[in-house]
Amino acid sequence: MERTDNSSGQTAPLISVIVPVYQVERWLPRCVDSLLAQTYENLEIILVDDGSHDGCSGICDDYAARDGRVRVIHQENRGLSGARNSGIETAAGEYLAFVDSDDYIAPDFIEALYELIQKSGCAISQCRFARVRGEALKDEAGDAYRVYRGACLMEQLYGPEEDATYFVVAWNKLYRRELFVETGIRYPLGRIHEDEATTYRLFHAAGKLAFLDRALYGYFTENTGSITSVFSRRRLQWLSAHEERIAFFRENGYEKLLPAAYRKLCDACITFYFRCTEDVEEAETLRRELKSRLVGYRREGAAWIRDLPLRTRFGYRLFSVSPKLYRQILSRIQEI
């Protein structure tokens, strides 16, 4: 499905935008309205109603009745991964984008990322995102972009936290649909941290990525303060995703990234350990498991952890012996 761009005489391919929908009736219209307002008009907007019990089902159907570009999938709850996968299987577009249903995008989000793919020859383009609470995204001009390739692209997953997040999340990007079709890559069902388990595989398949230095995606955060979540055993799925990533790196020639990969795993064990406060279910069991995992990661990744700074390696050893003493010394260092 194509349309003619009257300004250039060229055909513009169909782009499918996949929106997983679950219990977001308050925010869904804002999201869909931002999609319908895109300057790139040849869109297929796939709303995947993932078993919502609020008014989302009716809202989705109302939009489909009003605009022929909107398609609705109603399904039993399968989680975020299941909703994205249903959209991938249904999509007819040459390109795919994902937008979470409580977020919203700038009017030229699709157009800018599509043009970037055309200019760069990449199979994936992405932009920055802004944390928003409902305000309009700032109108940013400019077309400066960077292209990351191979191991350098994978390395961005281990940069400063905010920068790494730009790369790992699914929803600030435009993908050639063939990446999913030819590789069979899908989001893992029944798991959280599904982006951590998937994006690096797409990077490997694409080979390179173009990064547009504009914040065209609005990541909605309702609270103004720091966001804390109740810790539970499910959070350990983050560790599993990174274990899988390390195995993938070993199999596909990314060994130089293993020091950073093991460091991230070990650091996460320590962070998670101290989030297991007494009000967390089975806290003591989780703490023992996290301490044991860190010891195992140190042993398994010894050949690469030795490339980390001495104080980092000492910290891991100290934590393995006494998490309490580790915390006391870390607090003292931070005070100094």
C-alpha atoms as a PDB file:
ATOM      1  CA  MET A   1       0.000   0.000   0.000  1.00  0.00           C
ATOM      2  CA  GLU A   2       1.514   3.291  -1.079  1.00  0.00           C
ATOM      3  CA  ARG A   3       0.507   6.869  -1.643  1.00  0.00           C
ATOM      4  CA  THR A   4       2.109   9.573  -3.751  1.00  0.00           C
ATOM      5  CA  ASP A   5       3.848  12.408  -1.995  1.00  0.00           C
ATOM      6  CA  ASN A   6       2.673  15.374  -4.049  1.00  0.00           C
ATOM      7  CA  SER A   7       5.646  17.495  -3.077  1.00  0.00           C
ATOM      8  CA  SER A   8       8.204  15.081  -4.517  1.00  0.00           C
ATOM      9  CA  GLY A   9       6.243  12.787  -6.801  1.00  0.00           C
ATOM     10  CA  GLN A  10       7.688   9.793  -4.989  1.00  0.00           C
ATOM     11  CA  THR A  11       5.648   7.042  -3.397  1.00  0.00           C
ATOM     12  CA  ALA A  12       5.549   6.837   0.390  1.00  0.00           C
ATOM     13  CA  PRO A  13       5.322   3.304   1.782  1.00  0.00           C
ATOM     14  CA  LEU A  14       2.792   2.199   4.354  1.00  0.00           C
ATOM     15  CA  ILE A  15       4.072   2.405   7.930  1.00  0.00           C
ATOM     16  CA  SER A  16       2.419   0.340  10.662  1.00  0.00           C
ATOM     17  CA  VAL A  17       2.299   1.797  14.177  1.00  0.00           C
ATOM     18  CA  ILE A  18       1.608  -0.832  16.843  1.00  0.00           C
ATOM     19  CA  VAL A  19      -0.003   0.330  20.096  1.00  0.00           C
ATOM     20  CA  PRO A  20      -0.458  -2.208  22.914  1.00  0.00           C
ATOM     21  CA  VAL A  21      -3.546  -1.154  24.902  1.00  0.00           C
ATOM     22  CA  TYR A  22      -4.343  -2.223  28.453  1.00  0.00           C
ATOM     23  CA  GLN A  23      -6.232  -0.318  31.156  1.00  0.00           C
ATOM     24  CA  VAL A  24      -5.306   3.158  29.905  1.00  0.00           C
ATOM     25  CA  GLU A  25      -8.674   4.724  29.040  1.00  0.00           C
ATOM     26  CA  ARG A  26      -7.591   8.015  30.623  1.00  0.00           C
ATOM     27  CA  TRP A  27      -4.541   8.352  28.349  1.00  0.00           C
ATOM     28  CA  LEU A  28      -5.419   6.421  25.200  1.00  0.00           C
ATOM     29  CA  PRO A  29      -7.171   9.258  23.274  1.00  0.00           C
ATOM     30  CA  ARG A  30      -4.144  11.511  23.700  1.00  0.00           C
ATOM     31  CA  CYS A  31      -1.905   8.799  22.292  1.00  0.00           C
ATOM     32  CA  VAL A  32      -4.092   7.985  19.289  1.00  0.00           C
ATOM     33  CA  ASP A  33      -4.738  11.655  18.522  1.00  0.00           C
ATOM     34  CA  SER A  34      -0.979  12.205  18.295  1.00  0.00           C
ATOM     35  CA  LEU A  35      -0.774   9.349  15.771  1.00  0.00           C
ATOM     36  CA  LEU A  36      -3.613  10.672  13.646  1.00  0.00           C
ATOM     37  CA  ALA A  37      -1.945  14.105  13.610  1.00  0.00           C
ATOM     38  CA  GLN A  38       1.255  12.798  12.012  1.00  0.00           C
ATOM     39  CA  THR A  39       2.614  14.721   9.049  1.00  0.00           C
ATOM     40  CA  TYR A  40       3.346  11.342   7.454  1.00  0.00           C
ATOM     41  CA  GLU A  41      -0.166  10.206   6.527  1.00  0.00           C
ATOM     42  CA  ASN A  42       0.211   6.761   4.960  1.00  0.00           C
ATOM     43  CA  LEU A  43      -0.172   4.990   8.269  1.00  0.00           C
ATOM     44  CA  GLU A  44      -1.749   1.847   9.575  1.00  0.00           C
ATOM     45  CA  ILE A  45      -2.446   2.312  13.289  1.00  0.00           C
ATOM     46  CA  ILE A  46      -2.906  -1.059  14.983  1.00  0.00           C
ATOM     47  CA  LEU A  47      -4.520  -0.805  18.412  1.00  0.00           C
ATOM     48  CA  VAL A  48      -4.060  -4.113  20.227  1.00  0.00           C
ATOM     49  CA  ASP A  49      -6.682  -4.257  22.991  1.00  0.00           C
ATOM     50  CA  ASP A  50      -4.994  -6.740  25.301  1.00  0.00           C
ATOM     51  CA  GLY A  51      -8.033  -7.780  27.332  1.00  0.00           C
ATOM     52  CA  SER A  52      -8.704  -4.389  28.936  1.00  0.00           C
ATOM     53  CA  HIS A  53     -11.495  -4.270  31.531  1.00  0.00           C
ATOM     54  CA  ASP A  54     -11.994  -0.505  31.409  1.00  0.00           C
ATOM     55  CA  GLY A  55     -13.308   1.567  28.510  1.00  0.00           C
ATOM     56  CA  CYS A  56     -10.341   0.986  26.184  1.00  0.00           C
ATOM     57  CA  SER A  57     -12.168  -1.515  23.970  1.00  0.00           C
ATOM     58  CA  GLY A  58     -14.882   0.972  23.093  1.00  0.00           C
ATOM     59  CA  ILE A  59     -12.391   3.805  22.594  1.00  0.00           C
ATOM     60  CA  CYS A  60     -10.424   1.664  20.128  1.00  0.00           C
ATOM     61  CA  ASP A  61     -13.544   0.767  18.166  1.00  0.00           C
ATOM     62  CA  ASP A  62     -14.672   4.403  18.073  1.00  0.00           C
ATOM     63  CA  TYR A  63     -11.371   5.484  16.521  1.00  0.00           C
ATOM     64  CA  ALA A  64     -11.553   2.684  13.951  1.00  0.00           C
ATOM     65  CA  ALA A  65     -15.039   3.818  12.949  1.00  0.00           C
ATOM     66  CA  ARG A  66     -13.860   7.413  12.535  1.00  0.00           C
ATOM     67  CA  ASP A  67     -10.601   6.848  10.609  1.00  0.00           C
ATOM     68  CA  GLY A  68      -9.901   4.049   8.146  1.00  0.00           C
ATOM     69  CA  ARG A  69      -6.213   4.004   9.063  1.00  0.00           C
ATOM     70  CA  VAL A  70      -7.055   2.580  12.497  1.00  0.00           C
ATOM     71  CA  ARG A  71      -7.312  -1.186  12.931  1.00  0.00           C
ATOM     72  CA  VAL A  72      -8.237  -2.905  16.176  1.00  0.00           C
ATOM     73  CA  ILE A  73      -7.237  -6.297  17.525  1.00  0.00           C
ATOM     74  CA  HIS A  74      -9.203  -7.526  20.540  1.00  0.00           C
ATOM     75  CA  GLN A  75      -7.479 -10.389  22.360  1.00  0.00           C
ATOM     76  CA  GLU A  76      -7.296 -12.050  25.755  1.00  0.00           C
ATOM     77  CA  ASN A  77      -4.606 -10.608  27.951  1.00  0.00           C
ATOM     78  CA  ARG A  78      -1.166 -11.752  26.816  1.00  0.00           C
ATOM     79  CA  GLY A  79       0.933  -8.933  28.256  1.00  0.00           C
ATOM     80  CA  LEU A  80       2.962  -6.265  26.515  1.00  0.00           C
ATOM     81  CA  SER A  81       5.051  -8.754  24.552  1.00  0.00           C
ATOM     82  CA  GLY A  82       1.981 -10.643  23.370  1.00  0.00           C
ATOM     83  CA  ALA A  83       0.321  -7.420  22.243  1.00  0.00           C
ATOM     84  CA  ARG A  84       3.395  -6.265  20.311  1.00  0.00           C
ATOM     85  CA  ASN A  85       3.760  -9.689  18.705  1.00  0.00           C
ATOM     86  CA  SER A  86       0.127  -9.671  17.578  1.00  0.00           C
ATOM     87  CA  GLY A  87       0.706  -6.306  15.960  1.00  0.00           C
ATOM     88  CA  ILE A  88       3.841  -7.553  14.205  1.00  0.00           C
ATOM     89  CA  GLU A  89       1.988 -10.572  12.822  1.00  0.00           C
ATOM     90  CA  THR A  90      -0.890  -8.408  11.581  1.00  0.00           C
ATOM     91  CA  ALA A  91       1.062  -5.439  10.224  1.00  0.00           C
ATOM     92  CA  ALA A  92       1.009  -4.812   6.482  1.00  0.00           C
ATOM     93  CA  GLY A  93       3.454  -1.901   6.480  1.00  0.00           C
ATOM     94  CA  GLU A  94       6.951  -1.875   5.078  1.00  0.00           C
ATOM     95  CA  TYR A  95       8.083  -0.244   8.316  1.00  0.00           C
ATOM     96  CA  LEU A  96       7.032  -0.742  11.942  1.00  0.00           C
ATOM     97  CA  ALA A  97       6.953   1.555  14.949  1.00  0.00           C
ATOM     98  CA  PHE A  98       5.815   0.904  18.527  1.00  0.00           C
ATOM     99  CA  VAL A  99       4.118   3.493  20.714  1.00  0.00           C
ATOM    100  CA  ASP A 100       2.994   2.767  24.272  1.00  0.00           C
ATOM    101  CA  SER A 101      -0.619   3.736  24.869  1.00  0.00           C
ATOM    102  CA  ASP A 102       0.011   6.252  27.665  1.00  0.00           C
ATOM    103  CA  ASP A 103       2.745   8.013  25.674  1.00  0.00           C
ATOM    104  CA  TYR A 104       2.466  10.412  22.735  1.00  0.00           C
ATOM    105  CA  ILE A 105       4.618  11.589  19.846  1.00  0.00           C
ATOM    106  CA  ALA A 106       5.530  14.801  18.042  1.00  0.00           C
ATOM    107  CA  PRO A 107       3.685  15.464  14.751  1.00  0.00           C
ATOM    108  CA  ASP A 108       6.764  14.666  12.648  1.00  0.00           C
ATOM    109  CA  PHE A 109       7.930  11.604  14.626  1.00  0.00           C
ATOM    110  CA  ILE A 110       7.186   9.153  11.803  1.00  0.00           C
ATOM    111  CA  GLU A 111       8.212  11.463   8.967  1.00  0.00           C
ATOM    112  CA  ALA A 112      11.554  12.368  10.558  1.00  0.00           C
ATOM    113  CA  LEU A 113      12.486   8.754  11.313  1.00  0.00           C
ATOM    114  CA  TYR A 114      11.398   7.564   7.875  1.00  0.00           C
ATOM    115  CA  GLU A 115      13.463  10.255   6.145  1.00  0.00           C
ATOM    116  CA  LEU A 116      16.430   9.316   8.337  1.00  0.00           C
ATOM    117  CA  ILE A 117      16.242   5.696   7.188  1.00  0.00           C
ATOM    118  CA  GLN A 118      16.199   6.895   3.575  1.00  0.00           C
ATOM    119  CA  LYS A 119      19.207   9.194   4.079  1.00  0.00           C
ATOM    120  CA  SER A 120      21.306   6.800   6.130  1.00  0.00           C
ATOM    121  CA  GLY A 121      20.487   3.458   4.527  1.00  0.00           C
ATOM    122  CA  CYS A 122      19.938   1.971   7.980  1.00  0.00           C
ATOM    123  CA  ALA A 123      17.237  -0.555   8.818  1.00  0.00           C
ATOM    124  CA  ILE A 124      16.540   1.151  12.178  1.00  0.00           C
ATOM    125  CA  SER A 125      16.289   4.829  13.051  1.00  0.00           C
ATOM    126  CA  GLN A 126      15.658   6.281  16.477  1.00  0.00           C
ATOM    127  CA  CYS A 127      15.299   9.600  18.273  1.00  0.00           C
ATOM    128  CA  ARG A 128      15.648  10.843  21.816  1.00  0.00           C
ATOM    129  CA  PHE A 129      12.633  10.881  24.116  1.00  0.00           C
ATOM    130  CA  ALA A 130      11.484  13.429  26.668  1.00  0.00           C
ATOM    131  CA  ARG A 131       9.904  12.613  30.011  1.00  0.00           C
ATOM    132  CA  VAL A 132       6.551  14.377  29.942  1.00  0.00           C
ATOM    133  CA  ARG A 133       3.471  14.832  32.096  1.00  0.00           C
ATOM    134  CA  GLY A 134       1.022  15.874  29.400  1.00  0.00           C
ATOM    135  CA  GLU A 135       2.627  19.026  28.036  1.00  0.00           C
ATOM    136  CA  ALA A 136       3.374  19.397  24.337  1.00  0.00           C
ATOM    137  CA  LEU A 137       6.747  18.220  23.147  1.00  0.00           C
ATOM    138  CA  LYS A 138       9.061  21.129  22.408  1.00  0.00           C
ATOM    139  CA  ASP A 139       9.333  21.910  18.720  1.00  0.00           C
ATOM    140  CA  GLU A 140      12.911  21.017  17.841  1.00  0.00           C
ATOM    141  CA  ALA A 141      14.414  21.756  14.467  1.00  0.00           C
ATOM    142  CA  GLY A 142      17.514  20.284  12.952  1.00  0.00           C
ATOM    143  CA  ASP A 143      18.437  17.050  11.242  1.00  0.00           C
ATOM    144  CA  ALA A 144      21.778  16.181  12.874  1.00  0.00           C
ATOM    145  CA  TYR A 145      22.208  12.451  13.229  1.00  0.00           C
ATOM    146  CA  ARG A 146      24.825   9.820  13.973  1.00  0.00           C
ATOM    147  CA  VAL A 147      25.199   6.299  12.579  1.00  0.00           C
ATOM    148  CA  TYR A 148      26.350   3.483  14.855  1.00  0.00           C
ATOM    149  CA  ARG A 149      27.592   0.181  13.441  1.00  0.00           C
ATOM    150  CA  GLY A 150      28.368  -3.315  14.700  1.00  0.00           C
ATOM    151  CA  ALA A 151      30.087  -3.530  18.067  1.00  0.00           C
ATOM    152  CA  CYS A 152      29.943   0.263  18.422  1.00  0.00           C
ATOM    153  CA  LEU A 153      26.152   0.054  18.195  1.00  0.00           C
ATOM    154  CA  MET A 154      25.991  -2.691  20.829  1.00  0.00           C
ATOM    155  CA  GLU A 155      28.313  -0.652  23.031  1.00  0.00           C
ATOM    156  CA  GLN A 156      25.661   2.061  23.339  1.00  0.00           C
ATOM    157  CA  LEU A 157      23.634  -0.339  25.501  1.00  0.00           C
ATOM    158  CA  TYR A 158      26.287   0.164  28.195  1.00  0.00           C
ATOM    159  CA  GLY A 159      26.608   3.928  28.133  1.00  0.00           C
ATOM    160  CA  PRO A 160      25.347   6.398  30.770  1.00  0.00           C
ATOM    161  CA  GLU A 161      21.890   5.349  31.996  1.00  0.00           C
ATOM    162  CA  GLU A 162      19.743   7.841  30.060  1.00  0.00           C
ATOM    163  CA  ASP A 163      21.756   7.399  26.864  1.00  0.00           C
ATOM    164  CA  ALA A 164      21.597   3.606  27.142  1.00  0.00           C
ATOM    165  CA  THR A 165      17.829   3.811  27.604  1.00  0.00           C
ATOM    166  CA  TYR A 166      17.480   5.604  24.253  1.00  0.00           C
ATOM    167  CA  PHE A 167      18.951   2.505  22.641  1.00  0.00           C
ATOM    168  CA  VAL A 168      17.336  -0.355  24.548  1.00  0.00           C
ATOM    169  CA  VAL A 169      13.667   0.664  24.464  1.00  0.00           C
ATOM    170  CA  ALA A 170      11.444  -0.459  21.584  1.00  0.00           C
ATOM    171  CA  TRP A 171       9.271   2.620  21.231  1.00  0.00           C
ATOM    172  CA  ASN A 172      11.431   5.523  20.026  1.00  0.00           C
ATOM    173  CA  LYS A 173      12.383   3.750  16.800  1.00  0.00           C
ATOM    174  CA  LEU A 174      11.302   2.957  13.262  1.00  0.00           C
ATOM    175  CA  TYR A 175      12.208  -0.482  11.903  1.00  0.00           C
ATOM    176  CA  ARG A 176      12.181  -2.076   8.498  1.00  0.00           C
ATOM    177  CA  ARG A 177       9.572  -4.799   8.901  1.00  0.00           C
ATOM    178  CA  GLU A 178      11.882  -7.317   7.229  1.00  0.00           C
ATOM    179  CA  LEU A 179      13.994  -7.374  10.417  1.00  0.00           C
ATOM    180  CA  PHE A 180      11.154  -9.169  12.181  1.00  0.00           C
ATOM    181  CA  VAL A 181      10.027 -11.204   9.169  1.00  0.00           C
ATOM    182  CA  GLU A 182      13.412 -12.590   8.117  1.00  0.00           C
ATOM    183  CA  THR A 183      14.752 -13.299  11.608  1.00  0.00           C
ATOM    184  CA  GLY A 184      11.564 -14.373  13.373  1.00  0.00           C
ATOM    185  CA  ILE A 185      12.504 -12.110  16.286  1.00  0.00           C
ATOM    186  CA  ARG A 186       9.595 -11.576  18.682  1.00  0.00           C
ATOM    187  CA  TYR A 187       9.189 -10.236  22.202  1.00  0.00           C
ATOM    188  CA  PRO A 188       9.352 -12.962  24.902  1.00  0.00           C
ATOM    189  CA  LEU A 189       5.949 -13.858  26.320  1.00  0.00           C
ATOM    190  CA  GLY A 190       5.273 -13.697  30.027  1.00  0.00           C
ATOM    191  CA  ARG A 191       8.372 -11.672  30.832  1.00  0.00           C
ATOM    192  CA  ILE A 192       9.063  -8.114  31.869  1.00  0.00           C
ATOM    193  CA  HIS A 193      12.160  -6.291  30.581  1.00  0.00           C
ATOM    194  CA  GLU A 194      11.175  -7.588  27.148  1.00  0.00           C
ATOM    195  CA  ASP A 195      13.159  -4.815  25.425  1.00  0.00           C
ATOM    196  CA  GLU A 196      16.353  -5.900  27.195  1.00  0.00           C
ATOM    197  CA  ALA A 197      15.800  -9.399  25.797  1.00  0.00           C
ATOM    198  CA  THR A 198      15.102  -8.320  22.214  1.00  0.00           C
ATOM    199  CA  THR A 199      16.611  -5.042  21.029  1.00  0.00           C
ATOM    200  CA  TYR A 200      20.212  -6.254  20.810  1.00  0.00           C
ATOM    201  CA  ARG A 201      19.102  -9.065  18.477  1.00  0.00           C
ATOM    202  CA  LEU A 202      17.483  -6.503  16.194  1.00  0.00           C
ATOM    203  CA  PHE A 203      20.682  -4.422  16.281  1.00  0.00           C
ATOM    204  CA  HIS A 204      22.688  -7.448  15.208  1.00  0.00           C
ATOM    205  CA  ALA A 205      20.289  -8.192  12.355  1.00  0.00           C
ATOM    206  CA  ALA A 206      20.292  -4.558  11.205  1.00  0.00           C
ATOM    207  CA  GLY A 207      24.051  -4.047  11.425  1.00  0.00           C
ATOM    208  CA  LYS A 208      23.719  -0.304  11.910  1.00  0.00           C
ATOM    209  CA  LEU A 209      21.355   2.334  13.315  1.00  0.00           C
ATOM    210  CA  ALA A 210      20.820   6.052  12.716  1.00  0.00           C
ATOM    211  CA  PHE A 211      20.202   8.220  15.785  1.00  0.00           C
ATOM    212  CA  LEU A 212      18.400  11.542  15.296  1.00  0.00           C
ATOM    213  CA  ASP A 213      19.308  14.056  17.998  1.00  0.00           C
ATOM    214  CA  ARG A 214      15.756  15.293  18.585  1.00  0.00           C
ATOM    215  CA  ALA A 215      13.243  14.392  21.313  1.00  0.00           C
ATOM    216  CA  LEU A 216      10.208  13.390  19.240  1.00  0.00           C
ATOM    217  CA  TYR A 217       8.744  10.820  21.634  1.00  0.00           C
ATOM    218  CA  GLY A 218       6.972  11.746  24.862  1.00  0.00           C
ATOM    219  CA  TYR A 219       7.512   9.168  27.616  1.00  0.00           C
ATOM    220  CA  PHE A 220       4.710   9.825  30.077  1.00  0.00           C
ATOM    221  CA  THR A 221       5.491   9.868  33.801  1.00  0.00           C
ATOM    222  CA  GLU A 222       2.570  10.784  36.012  1.00  0.00           C
ATOM    223  CA  ASN A 223       4.584  11.511  39.155  1.00  0.00           C
ATOM    224  CA  THR A 224       6.951  14.428  39.653  1.00  0.00           C
ATOM    225  CA  GLY A 225       9.187  12.760  42.214  1.00  0.00           C
ATOM    226  CA  SER A 226      11.443   9.769  41.876  1.00  0.00           C
ATOM    227  CA  ILE A 227       9.681   6.676  40.636  1.00  0.00           C
ATOM    228  CA  THR A 228      10.018   3.624  42.850  1.00  0.00           C
ATOM    229  CA  SER A 229       8.527   0.233  42.228  1.00  0.00           C
ATOM    230  CA  VAL A 230       7.913  -2.612  44.609  1.00  0.00           C
ATOM    231  CA  PHE A 231      10.652  -5.160  44.133  1.00  0.00           C
ATOM    232  CA  SER A 232       9.682  -8.757  43.420  1.00  0.00           C
ATOM    233  CA  ARG A 233      11.159 -11.949  42.008  1.00  0.00           C
ATOM    234  CA  ARG A 234       9.978 -10.931  38.525  1.00  0.00           C
ATOM    235  CA  ARG A 235      12.671  -8.259  38.468  1.00  0.00           C
ATOM    236  CA  LEU A 236      15.253 -11.038  38.244  1.00  0.00           C
ATOM    237  CA  GLN A 237      14.085 -11.518  34.653  1.00  0.00           C
ATOM    238  CA  TRP A 238      16.304  -8.505  33.913  1.00  0.00           C
ATOM    239  CA  LEU A 239      19.276 -10.625  34.952  1.00  0.00           C
ATOM    240  CA  SER A 240      18.095 -13.511  32.769  1.00  0.00           C
ATOM    241  CA  ALA A 241      17.828 -11.187  29.765  1.00  0.00           C
ATOM    242  CA  HIS A 242      21.410 -10.038  30.277  1.00  0.00           C
ATOM    243  CA  GLU A 243      22.665 -13.579  30.737  1.00  0.00           C
ATOM    244  CA  GLU A 244      21.129 -14.369  27.333  1.00  0.00           C
ATOM    245  CA  ARG A 245      22.776 -11.257  25.889  1.00  0.00           C
ATOM    246  CA  ILE A 246      26.196 -12.367  27.127  1.00  0.00           C
ATOM    247  CA  ALA A 247      25.718 -15.796  25.530  1.00  0.00           C
ATOM    248  CA  PHE A 248      24.723 -14.046  22.296  1.00  0.00           C
ATOM    249  CA  PHE A 249      27.807 -11.810  22.429  1.00  0.00           C
ATOM    250  CA  ARG A 250      30.069 -14.835  22.817  1.00  0.00           C
ATOM    251  CA  GLU A 251      28.437 -16.614  19.891  1.00  0.00           C
ATOM    252  CA  ASN A 252      28.482 -13.632  17.546  1.00  0.00           C
ATOM    253  CA  GLY A 253      31.877 -12.009  17.987  1.00  0.00           C
ATOM    254  CA  TYR A 254      31.187  -9.240  20.507  1.00  0.00           C
ATOM    255  CA  GLU A 255      33.717 -10.419  23.104  1.00  0.00           C
ATOM    256  CA  LYS A 256      35.126  -6.929  23.646  1.00  0.00           C
ATOM    257  CA  LEU A 257      31.784  -5.936  25.203  1.00  0.00           C
ATOM    258  CA  LEU A 258      31.901  -8.692  27.829  1.00  0.00           C
ATOM    259  CA  PRO A 259      33.674  -6.636  30.557  1.00  0.00           C
ATOM    260  CA  ALA A 260      30.890  -4.038  30.401  1.00  0.00           C
ATOM    261  CA  ALA A 261      28.241  -6.751  30.184  1.00  0.00           C
ATOM    262  CA  TYR A 262      29.475  -8.580  33.279  1.00  0.00           C
ATOM    263  CA  ARG A 263      29.888  -5.304  35.134  1.00  0.00           C
ATOM    264  CA  LYS A 264      26.264  -4.444  34.451  1.00  0.00           C
ATOM    265  CA  LEU A 265      25.141  -7.843  35.736  1.00  0.00           C
ATOM    266  CA  CYS A 266      27.205  -7.597  38.909  1.00  0.00           C
ATOM    267  CA  ASP A 267      26.121  -4.009  39.578  1.00  0.00           C
ATOM    268  CA  ALA A 268      22.481  -5.034  39.122  1.00  0.00           C
ATOM    269  CA  CYS A 269      22.856  -7.850  41.673  1.00  0.00           C
ATOM    270  CA  ILE A 270      24.061  -5.316  44.248  1.00  0.00           C
ATOM    271  CA  THR A 271      21.328  -2.787  43.409  1.00  0.00           C
ATOM    272  CA  PHE A 272      18.606  -5.418  43.551  1.00  0.00           C
ATOM    273  CA  TYR A 273      19.994  -6.805  46.819  1.00  0.00           C
ATOM    274  CA  PHE A 274      19.547  -3.504  48.601  1.00  0.00           C
ATOM    275  CA  ARG A 275      16.078  -3.031  47.132  1.00  0.00           C
ATOM    276  CA  CYS A 276      15.025  -6.254  48.853  1.00  0.00           C
ATOM    277  CA  THR A 277      13.898  -4.523  52.024  1.00  0.00           C
ATOM    278  CA  GLU A 278      11.996  -6.393  54.717  1.00  0.00           C
ATOM    279  CA  ASP A 279       8.609  -5.480  53.229  1.00  0.00           C
ATOM    280  CA  VAL A 280       9.469  -7.410  50.021  1.00  0.00           C
ATOM    281  CA  GLU A 281       8.006 -10.894  49.796  1.00  0.00           C
ATOM    282  CA  GLU A 282      10.657 -13.608  50.371  1.00  0.00           C
ATOM    283  CA  ALA A 283      13.253 -10.856  50.825  1.00  0.00           C
ATOM    284  CA  GLU A 284      15.833 -13.020  52.590  1.00  0.00           C
ATOM    285  CA  THR A 285      15.619 -15.725  49.914  1.00  0.00           C
ATOM    286  CA  LEU A 286      16.037 -13.143  47.158  1.00  0.00           C
ATOM    287  CA  ARG A 287      19.034 -11.593  48.883  1.00  0.00           C
ATOM    288  CA  ARG A 288      20.740 -14.965  49.183  1.00  0.00           C
ATOM    289  CA  GLU A 289      20.066 -15.685  45.524  1.00  0.00           C
ATOM    290  CA  LEU A 290      21.389 -12.317  44.379  1.00  0.00           C
ATOM    291  CA  LYS A 291      24.559 -12.713  46.425  1.00  0.00           C
ATOM    292  CA  SER A 292      25.012 -16.200  44.968  1.00  0.00           C
ATOM    293  CA  ARG A 293      24.436 -14.912  41.431  1.00  0.00           C
ATOM    294  CA  LEU A 294      27.086 -12.247  41.802  1.00  0.00           C
ATOM    295  CA  VAL A 295      29.585 -14.863  42.970  1.00  0.00           C
ATOM    296  CA  GLY A 296      28.663 -16.981  39.946  1.00  0.00           C
ATOM    297  CA  TYR A 297      29.035 -14.060  37.539  1.00  0.00           C
ATOM    298  CA  ARG A 298      32.457 -13.253  38.988  1.00  0.00           C
ATOM    299  CA  ARG A 299      33.535 -16.833  38.458  1.00  0.00           C
ATOM    300  CA  GLU A 300      32.025 -17.221  34.990  1.00  0.00           C
ATOM    301  CA  GLY A 301      33.261 -13.854  33.746  1.00  0.00           C
ATOM    302  CA  ALA A 302      36.644 -13.854  35.471  1.00  0.00           C
ATOM    303  CA  ALA A 303      38.551 -13.489  32.203  1.00  0.00           C
ATOM    304  CA  TRP A 304      36.702 -10.263  31.415  1.00  0.00           C
ATOM    305  CA  ILE A 305      36.056  -8.843  34.888  1.00  0.00           C
ATOM    306  CA  ARG A 306      39.814  -8.618  35.386  1.00  0.00           C
ATOM    307  CA  ASP A 307      39.758  -5.797  32.810  1.00  0.00           C
ATOM    308  CA  LEU A 308      37.570  -3.686  35.121  1.00  0.00           C
ATOM    309  CA  PRO A 309      39.087  -1.110  37.513  1.00  0.00           C
ATOM    310  CA  LEU A 310      40.682  -2.526  40.650  1.00  0.00           C
ATOM    311  CA  ARG A 311      38.250  -0.724  42.971  1.00  0.00           C
ATOM    312  CA  THR A 312      35.310  -2.216  41.074  1.00  0.00           C
ATOM    313  CA  ARG A 313      36.687  -5.740  41.404  1.00  0.00           C
ATOM    314  CA  PHE A 314      37.452  -5.135  45.072  1.00  0.00           C
ATOM    315  CA  GLY A 315      33.895  -3.924  45.611  1.00  0.00           C
ATOM    316  CA  TYR A 316      32.455  -7.119  44.145  1.00  0.00           C
ATOM    317  CA  ARG A 317      34.709  -9.247  46.333  1.00  0.00           C
ATOM    318  CA  LEU A 318      33.790  -7.234  49.422  1.00  0.00           C
ATOM    319  CA  PHE A 319      30.072  -7.516  48.681  1.00  0.00           C
ATOM    320  CA  SER A 320      30.426 -11.281  48.259  1.00  0.00           C
ATOM    321  CA  VAL A 321      31.912 -11.472  51.769  1.00  0.00           C
ATOM    322  CA  SER A 322      29.763  -8.878  53.556  1.00  0.00           C
ATOM    323  CA  PRO A 323      27.064  -6.775  51.873  1.00  0.00           C
ATOM    324  CA  LYS A 324      26.663  -4.808  55.097  1.00  0.00           C
ATOM    325  CA  LEU A 325      30.331  -3.810  55.189  1.00  0.00           C
ATOM    326  CA  TYR A 326      30.205  -3.022  51.452  1.00  0.00           C
ATOM    327  CA  ARG A 327      27.346  -0.595  52.047  1.00  0.00           C
ATOM    328  CA  GLN A 328      29.052   1.062  55.002  1.00  0.00           C
ATOM    329  CA  ILE A 329      32.269   1.655  53.068  1.00  0.00           C
ATOM    330  CA  LEU A 330      30.394   2.859  49.975  1.00  0.00           C
ATOM    331  CA  SER A 331      28.394   5.337  52.078  1.00  0.00           C
ATOM    332  CA  ARG A 332      31.595   6.630  53.633  1.00  0.00           C
ATOM    333  CA  ILE A 333      33.242   7.099  50.248  1.00  0.00           C
ATOM    334  CA  GLN A 334      30.187   8.957  48.962  1.00  0.00           C
ATOM    335  CA  GLU A 335      30.258  11.272  51.972  1.00  0.00           C
ATOM    336  CA  ILE A 336      33.900  12.118  51.320  1.00  0.00           C
END
